């Protein structure tokens, strides 16, 4: 039983590592999409303010 566990331990570790990396990539991509949307809203608001000042 111990031999089987030691055989599958590296494979299990690799699977956990891969799952962790995929989770981080998805988390970061979602975070960057959110900040990009916030930047777009800020740009739009600043443009509107600038247009109002010009008038």
N, C-alpha and C. Protein backbone atom coordinates (compact mmCIF):
# COMPACT_ATOMS: atom_id res chain seq x y z
N UNK A 1 0.83 -1.21 0.00
CA UNK A 1 0.00 0.00 0.00
C UNK A 1 0.87 1.26 0.00
N UNK A 2 1.93 1.26 0.79
CA UNK A 2 2.82 2.42 0.87
C UNK A 2 3.52 2.64 -0.47
N UNK A 3 3.89 1.54 -1.16
CA UNK A 3 4.56 1.67 -2.46
C UNK A 3 3.66 2.37 -3.48
N UNK A 4 2.37 2.02 -3.46
CA UNK A 4 1.42 2.64 -4.40
C UNK A 4 1.29 4.13 -4.09
N UNK A 5 1.21 4.46 -2.82
CA UNK A 5 1.07 5.87 -2.42
C UNK A 5 2.29 6.66 -2.84
N UNK A 6 3.49 6.10 -2.68
CA UNK A 6 4.70 6.84 -3.06
C UNK A 6 4.82 6.93 -4.57
N UNK A 7 4.24 5.99 -5.32
CA UNK A 7 4.26 6.08 -6.78
C UNK A 7 3.39 7.22 -7.27
N UNK A 8 2.22 7.38 -6.67
CA UNK A 8 1.27 8.38 -7.15
C UNK A 8 1.47 9.76 -6.53
N UNK A 9 2.32 9.86 -5.54
CA UNK A 9 2.55 11.14 -4.87
C UNK A 9 3.07 12.22 -5.82
N UNK A 10 4.13 11.94 -6.62
CA UNK A 10 4.60 12.98 -7.55
C UNK A 10 3.55 13.37 -8.58
N UNK A 11 2.77 12.40 -9.07
CA UNK A 11 1.72 12.70 -10.04
C UNK A 11 0.65 13.57 -9.40
N UNK A 12 0.28 13.23 -8.19
CA UNK A 12 -0.72 14.01 -7.46
C UNK A 12 -0.22 15.44 -7.22
N UNK A 13 1.04 15.55 -6.84
CA UNK A 13 1.66 16.86 -6.60
C UNK A 13 1.64 17.70 -7.87
N UNK A 14 1.97 17.08 -9.01
CA UNK A 14 1.97 17.79 -10.29
C UNK A 14 0.56 18.26 -10.65
N UNK A 15 -0.43 17.41 -10.43
CA UNK A 15 -1.81 17.78 -10.73
C UNK A 15 -2.26 18.97 -9.88
N UNK A 16 -1.92 18.94 -8.61
CA UNK A 16 -2.28 20.05 -7.72
C UNK A 16 -1.57 21.33 -8.17
N UNK A 17 -0.30 21.20 -8.54
CA UNK A 17 0.46 22.35 -9.01
C UNK A 17 -0.14 22.95 -10.27
N UNK A 18 -0.50 22.10 -11.22
CA UNK A 18 -1.10 22.56 -12.48
C UNK A 18 -2.44 23.24 -12.20
N UNK A 19 -3.25 22.65 -11.34
CA UNK A 19 -4.54 23.24 -11.00
C UNK A 19 -4.34 24.61 -10.35
N UNK A 20 -3.36 24.73 -9.49
CA UNK A 20 -3.05 25.99 -8.81
C UNK A 20 -2.63 27.07 -9.82
N UNK A 21 -1.76 26.69 -10.76
CA UNK A 21 -1.29 27.64 -11.78
C UNK A 21 -2.46 28.10 -12.66
N UNK A 22 -3.32 27.16 -13.07
CA UNK A 22 -4.47 27.52 -13.90
C UNK A 22 -5.39 28.47 -13.12
N UNK A 23 -5.60 28.21 -11.83
CA UNK A 23 -6.44 29.08 -11.01
C UNK A 23 -5.86 30.49 -10.94
N UNK A 24 -4.55 30.59 -10.74
CA UNK A 24 -3.89 31.90 -10.65
C UNK A 24 -4.04 32.66 -11.97
N UNK A 25 -3.84 31.95 -13.10
CA UNK A 25 -3.96 32.60 -14.41
C UNK A 25 -5.38 33.14 -14.62
N UNK A 26 -6.40 32.34 -14.30
CA UNK A 26 -7.78 32.80 -14.45
C UNK A 26 -8.07 33.96 -13.51
N UNK A 27 -7.58 33.89 -12.29
CA UNK A 27 -7.81 34.94 -11.31
C UNK A 27 -7.20 36.26 -11.79
N UNK A 28 -5.95 36.20 -12.27
CA UNK A 28 -5.27 37.41 -12.72
C UNK A 28 -5.92 37.98 -13.97
N UNK A 29 -6.33 37.13 -14.91
CA UNK A 29 -6.97 37.63 -16.12
C UNK A 29 -8.29 38.33 -15.77
N UNK A 30 -9.03 37.77 -14.84
CA UNK A 30 -10.26 38.42 -14.41
C UNK A 30 -9.98 39.75 -13.73
N UNK A 31 -8.93 39.80 -12.95
CA UNK A 31 -8.55 41.03 -12.25
C UNK A 31 -8.17 42.11 -13.26
N UNK A 32 -7.36 41.74 -14.30
CA UNK A 32 -6.95 42.73 -15.29
C UNK A 32 -8.13 43.21 -16.12
N UNK A 33 -9.08 42.33 -16.42
CA UNK A 33 -10.28 42.75 -17.15
C UNK A 33 -11.07 43.76 -16.34
N UNK A 34 -11.15 43.53 -15.03
CA UNK A 34 -11.88 44.45 -14.16
C UNK A 34 -11.21 45.82 -14.14
N UNK A 35 -9.88 45.86 -14.00
CA UNK A 35 -9.18 47.14 -13.94
C UNK A 35 -9.26 47.85 -15.29
N UNK A 36 -9.27 47.08 -16.38
CA UNK A 36 -9.38 47.70 -17.70
C UNK A 36 -10.73 48.39 -17.84
N UNK A 37 -11.78 47.72 -17.38
CA UNK A 37 -13.12 48.32 -17.45
C UNK A 37 -13.19 49.59 -16.60
N UNK A 38 -12.57 49.57 -15.43
CA UNK A 38 -12.55 50.75 -14.56
C UNK A 38 -11.82 51.90 -15.26
N UNK A 39 -10.69 51.57 -15.93
CA UNK A 39 -9.94 52.59 -16.66
C UNK A 39 -10.79 53.20 -17.77
N UNK A 40 -11.52 52.35 -18.49
CA UNK A 40 -12.38 52.86 -19.57
C UNK A 40 -13.45 53.79 -19.03
N UNK A 41 -14.04 53.44 -17.89
CA UNK A 41 -15.06 54.30 -17.28
C UNK A 41 -14.45 55.63 -16.85
N UNK A 42 -13.25 55.57 -16.28
CA UNK A 42 -12.57 56.80 -15.86
C UNK A 42 -12.28 57.69 -17.07
N UNK A 43 -11.76 57.09 -18.15
CA UNK A 43 -11.46 57.86 -19.37
C UNK A 43 -12.72 58.52 -19.90
N UNK A 44 -13.81 57.78 -19.93
CA UNK A 44 -15.07 58.33 -20.43
C UNK A 44 -15.52 59.50 -19.56
N UNK A 45 -15.45 59.34 -18.25
CA UNK A 45 -15.86 60.41 -17.34
C UNK A 45 -14.98 61.65 -17.51
N UNK A 46 -13.68 61.43 -17.64
CA UNK A 46 -12.76 62.57 -17.81
C UNK A 46 -13.02 63.29 -19.13
N UNK A 47 -13.31 62.51 -20.19
CA UNK A 47 -13.62 63.13 -21.49
C UNK A 47 -14.88 63.98 -21.39
N UNK A 48 -15.89 63.46 -20.70
CA UNK A 48 -17.14 64.22 -20.54
C UNK A 48 -16.90 65.50 -19.76
N UNK A 49 -16.08 65.44 -18.73
CA UNK A 49 -15.77 66.64 -17.94
C UNK A 49 -15.03 67.66 -18.81
N UNK A 50 -14.08 67.17 -19.60
CA UNK A 50 -13.33 68.07 -20.49
C UNK A 50 -14.25 68.72 -21.51
N UNK A 51 -15.20 67.96 -22.05
CA UNK A 51 -16.14 68.53 -23.02
C UNK A 51 -17.00 69.61 -22.37
N UNK A 52 -17.42 69.39 -21.13
CA UNK A 52 -18.24 70.37 -20.44
C UNK A 52 -17.46 71.65 -20.17
N UNK A 53 -16.16 71.52 -19.87
CA UNK A 53 -15.33 72.71 -19.62
C UNK A 53 -15.13 73.52 -20.89
N UNK A 54 -15.04 72.82 -22.04
CA UNK A 54 -14.82 73.51 -23.31
C UNK A 54 -16.03 74.37 -23.69
N UNK A 55 -17.22 73.92 -23.29
CA UNK A 55 -18.45 74.66 -23.67
C UNK A 55 -18.64 75.90 -22.86
